[in-house]
């Protein structure tokens, strides 16, 4: 198992959100700027420091077939 932390600032969190298909710029269209502004406001209300960390855990399972 491998674990590391990734730090995000406010712009990175919003950019990450815009990378998902359900909030992609093409889907939001002319609602993108109001969406970004509402997201900024909500994120800063939740965490005024404007910095977040995500723990990323990678696990690898190795298996092989038994020989006949």
N, C-alpha and C. Protein backbone atom coordinates (compact mmCIF):
# COMPACT_ATOMS: atom_id res chain seq x y z
N UNK A 1 0.85 -1.18 0.00
CA UNK A 1 0.00 0.00 0.00
C UNK A 1 0.90 1.24 0.00
N UNK A 2 0.50 2.20 -0.77
CA UNK A 2 1.24 3.46 -0.88
C UNK A 2 0.25 4.59 -0.63
N UNK A 3 0.60 5.49 0.26
CA UNK A 3 -0.27 6.61 0.57
C UNK A 3 0.52 7.91 0.47
N UNK A 4 -0.11 8.89 -0.15
CA UNK A 4 0.48 10.22 -0.17
C UNK A 4 -0.64 11.25 -0.15
N UNK A 5 -0.28 12.46 0.16
CA UNK A 5 -1.27 13.54 0.25
C UNK A 5 -1.06 14.52 -0.90
N UNK A 6 -2.18 15.01 -1.40
CA UNK A 6 -2.16 16.00 -2.47
C UNK A 6 -2.82 17.26 -1.94
N UNK A 7 -2.13 18.38 -2.05
CA UNK A 7 -2.67 19.66 -1.58
C UNK A 7 -3.32 20.41 -2.74
N UNK A 8 -4.45 21.04 -2.45
CA UNK A 8 -5.18 21.81 -3.45
C UNK A 8 -5.47 23.20 -2.91
N UNK A 9 -5.33 24.21 -3.76
CA UNK A 9 -5.81 25.54 -3.40
C UNK A 9 -7.20 25.71 -4.02
N UNK A 10 -7.79 26.85 -3.81
CA UNK A 10 -9.16 27.10 -4.26
C UNK A 10 -9.32 26.91 -5.77
N UNK A 11 -8.42 27.46 -6.55
CA UNK A 11 -8.51 27.33 -8.01
C UNK A 11 -8.36 25.88 -8.46
N UNK A 12 -7.51 25.12 -7.78
CA UNK A 12 -7.32 23.71 -8.14
C UNK A 12 -8.57 22.90 -7.84
N UNK A 13 -9.24 23.18 -6.73
CA UNK A 13 -10.47 22.46 -6.39
C UNK A 13 -11.55 22.76 -7.43
N UNK A 14 -11.68 24.00 -7.81
CA UNK A 14 -12.68 24.36 -8.81
C UNK A 14 -12.31 23.75 -10.17
N UNK A 15 -11.04 23.78 -10.52
CA UNK A 15 -10.59 23.15 -11.77
C UNK A 15 -10.86 21.66 -11.78
N UNK A 16 -10.63 21.01 -10.65
CA UNK A 16 -10.92 19.58 -10.54
C UNK A 16 -12.41 19.32 -10.74
N UNK A 17 -13.24 20.14 -10.12
CA UNK A 17 -14.68 19.98 -10.28
C UNK A 17 -15.11 20.16 -11.74
N UNK A 18 -14.49 21.11 -12.42
CA UNK A 18 -14.84 21.35 -13.82
C UNK A 18 -14.34 20.24 -14.75
N UNK A 19 -13.48 19.36 -14.23
CA UNK A 19 -12.99 18.26 -15.06
C UNK A 19 -13.95 17.07 -15.08
N UNK A 20 -14.95 17.08 -14.20
CA UNK A 20 -15.94 15.99 -14.19
C UNK A 20 -16.98 16.24 -15.28
N UNK A 21 -17.49 15.16 -15.87
CA UNK A 21 -18.40 15.30 -17.00
C UNK A 21 -19.68 16.05 -16.64
N UNK A 22 -20.17 15.88 -15.42
CA UNK A 22 -21.45 16.51 -15.06
C UNK A 22 -21.32 17.99 -14.74
N UNK A 23 -20.09 18.49 -14.59
CA UNK A 23 -19.89 19.93 -14.40
C UNK A 23 -18.83 20.45 -15.36
N UNK A 24 -18.69 19.81 -16.50
CA UNK A 24 -17.72 20.25 -17.51
C UNK A 24 -18.16 21.59 -18.10
N UNK A 25 -17.22 22.42 -18.50
CA UNK A 25 -17.58 23.71 -19.10
C UNK A 25 -18.56 23.58 -20.27
N UNK A 26 -18.41 22.56 -21.09
CA UNK A 26 -19.32 22.39 -22.22
C UNK A 26 -20.75 22.12 -21.75
N UNK A 27 -20.89 21.42 -20.65
CA UNK A 27 -22.22 21.14 -20.11
C UNK A 27 -22.81 22.37 -19.41
N UNK A 28 -21.96 23.10 -18.71
CA UNK A 28 -22.45 24.28 -17.98
C UNK A 28 -22.78 25.43 -18.93
N UNK A 29 -22.04 25.56 -20.02
CA UNK A 29 -22.31 26.63 -20.98
C UNK A 29 -22.21 28.00 -20.34
N UNK A 30 -23.25 28.80 -20.54
CA UNK A 30 -23.23 30.17 -20.00
C UNK A 30 -23.47 30.21 -18.49
N UNK A 31 -23.68 29.05 -17.87
CA UNK A 31 -23.84 29.00 -16.41
C UNK A 31 -22.51 28.75 -15.71
N UNK A 32 -21.41 28.64 -16.48
CA UNK A 32 -20.13 28.30 -15.88
C UNK A 32 -19.63 29.37 -14.90
N UNK A 33 -19.65 30.61 -15.28
CA UNK A 33 -19.15 31.67 -14.38
C UNK A 33 -19.98 31.76 -13.10
N UNK A 34 -21.32 31.74 -13.18
CA UNK A 34 -22.09 31.73 -11.92
C UNK A 34 -21.80 30.48 -11.08
N UNK A 35 -21.59 29.34 -11.74
CA UNK A 35 -21.25 28.11 -11.02
C UNK A 35 -19.93 28.28 -10.29
N UNK A 36 -18.91 28.80 -10.98
CA UNK A 36 -17.60 28.98 -10.36
C UNK A 36 -17.67 29.95 -9.18
N UNK A 37 -18.44 31.01 -9.34
CA UNK A 37 -18.57 31.99 -8.26
C UNK A 37 -19.29 31.39 -7.05
N UNK A 38 -20.35 30.62 -7.30
CA UNK A 38 -21.07 29.96 -6.19
C UNK A 38 -20.18 28.92 -5.51
N UNK A 39 -19.39 28.19 -6.31
CA UNK A 39 -18.48 27.19 -5.74
C UNK A 39 -17.42 27.87 -4.89
N UNK A 40 -16.86 28.97 -5.39
CA UNK A 40 -15.86 29.73 -4.63
C UNK A 40 -16.42 30.18 -3.28
N UNK A 41 -17.62 30.72 -3.32
CA UNK A 41 -18.26 31.22 -2.10
C UNK A 41 -18.50 30.08 -1.12
N UNK A 42 -19.02 28.96 -1.59
CA UNK A 42 -19.32 27.82 -0.71
C UNK A 42 -18.04 27.21 -0.15
N UNK A 43 -17.02 27.08 -0.99
CA UNK A 43 -15.76 26.49 -0.52
C UNK A 43 -15.09 27.36 0.53
N UNK A 44 -15.07 28.67 0.31
CA UNK A 44 -14.45 29.57 1.28
C UNK A 44 -15.27 29.67 2.56
N UNK A 45 -16.58 29.50 2.47
CA UNK A 45 -17.41 29.49 3.68
C UNK A 45 -17.10 28.24 4.51
N UNK A 46 -16.83 27.14 3.83
CA UNK A 46 -16.51 25.88 4.52
C UNK A 46 -15.09 25.88 5.07
N UNK A 47 -14.18 26.55 4.36
CA UNK A 47 -12.78 26.58 4.77
C UNK A 47 -12.15 27.90 4.32
N UNK A 48 -12.20 28.91 5.17
CA UNK A 48 -11.69 30.23 4.79
C UNK A 48 -10.22 30.25 4.40
N UNK A 49 -9.44 29.26 4.84
CA UNK A 49 -8.02 29.22 4.47
C UNK A 49 -7.83 28.94 2.98
N UNK A 50 -8.82 28.32 2.35
CA UNK A 50 -8.75 28.07 0.91
C UNK A 50 -7.73 27.01 0.51
N UNK A 51 -7.42 26.08 1.42
CA UNK A 51 -6.48 24.99 1.11
C UNK A 51 -7.08 23.68 1.62
N UNK A 52 -6.95 22.66 0.79
CA UNK A 52 -7.47 21.34 1.13
C UNK A 52 -6.42 20.29 0.84
N UNK A 53 -6.52 19.16 1.54
CA UNK A 53 -5.63 18.03 1.31
C UNK A 53 -6.46 16.80 1.05
N UNK A 54 -5.98 15.97 0.15
CA UNK A 54 -6.64 14.70 -0.14
C UNK A 54 -5.60 13.60 0.09
N UNK A 55 -6.00 12.59 0.86
CA UNK A 55 -5.13 11.42 1.04
C UNK A 55 -5.42 10.46 -0.11
N UNK A 56 -4.38 10.14 -0.85
CA UNK A 56 -4.51 9.22 -1.99
C UNK A 56 -3.85 7.91 -1.60
N UNK A 57 -4.62 6.84 -1.63
CA UNK A 57 -4.11 5.52 -1.26
C UNK A 57 -4.12 4.64 -2.50
N UNK A 58 -2.98 4.03 -2.77
CA UNK A 58 -2.86 3.10 -3.90
C UNK A 58 -2.54 1.72 -3.35
N UNK A 59 -3.35 0.77 -3.74
CA UNK A 59 -3.11 -0.61 -3.34
C UNK A 59 -2.99 -1.45 -4.59
N UNK A 60 -2.12 -2.43 -4.54
CA UNK A 60 -1.90 -3.31 -5.69
C UNK A 60 -2.10 -4.74 -5.22
N UNK A 61 -2.89 -5.46 -5.96
CA UNK A 61 -3.11 -6.88 -5.69
C UNK A 61 -2.54 -7.66 -6.86
N UNK A 62 -1.58 -8.50 -6.58
CA UNK A 62 -0.97 -9.31 -7.62
C UNK A 62 -1.48 -10.75 -7.49
N UNK A 63 -1.79 -11.33 -8.60
CA UNK A 63 -2.27 -12.71 -8.59
C UNK A 63 -1.75 -13.39 -9.86
N UNK A 64 -1.68 -14.68 -9.81
CA UNK A 64 -1.31 -15.41 -11.00
C UNK A 64 -2.07 -16.73 -11.03
N UNK A 65 -2.22 -17.23 -12.21
CA UNK A 65 -2.94 -18.48 -12.39
C UNK A 65 -2.05 -19.65 -11.99
N UNK A 66 -2.66 -20.64 -11.39
CA UNK A 66 -1.86 -21.82 -11.10
C UNK A 66 -1.51 -22.54 -12.39
N UNK A 67 -0.37 -23.15 -12.42
CA UNK A 67 0.04 -23.92 -13.60
C UNK A 67 -0.76 -25.21 -13.66
N UNK A 68 -1.09 -25.62 -14.86
CA UNK A 68 -1.85 -26.88 -15.05
C UNK A 68 -0.98 -28.07 -14.79
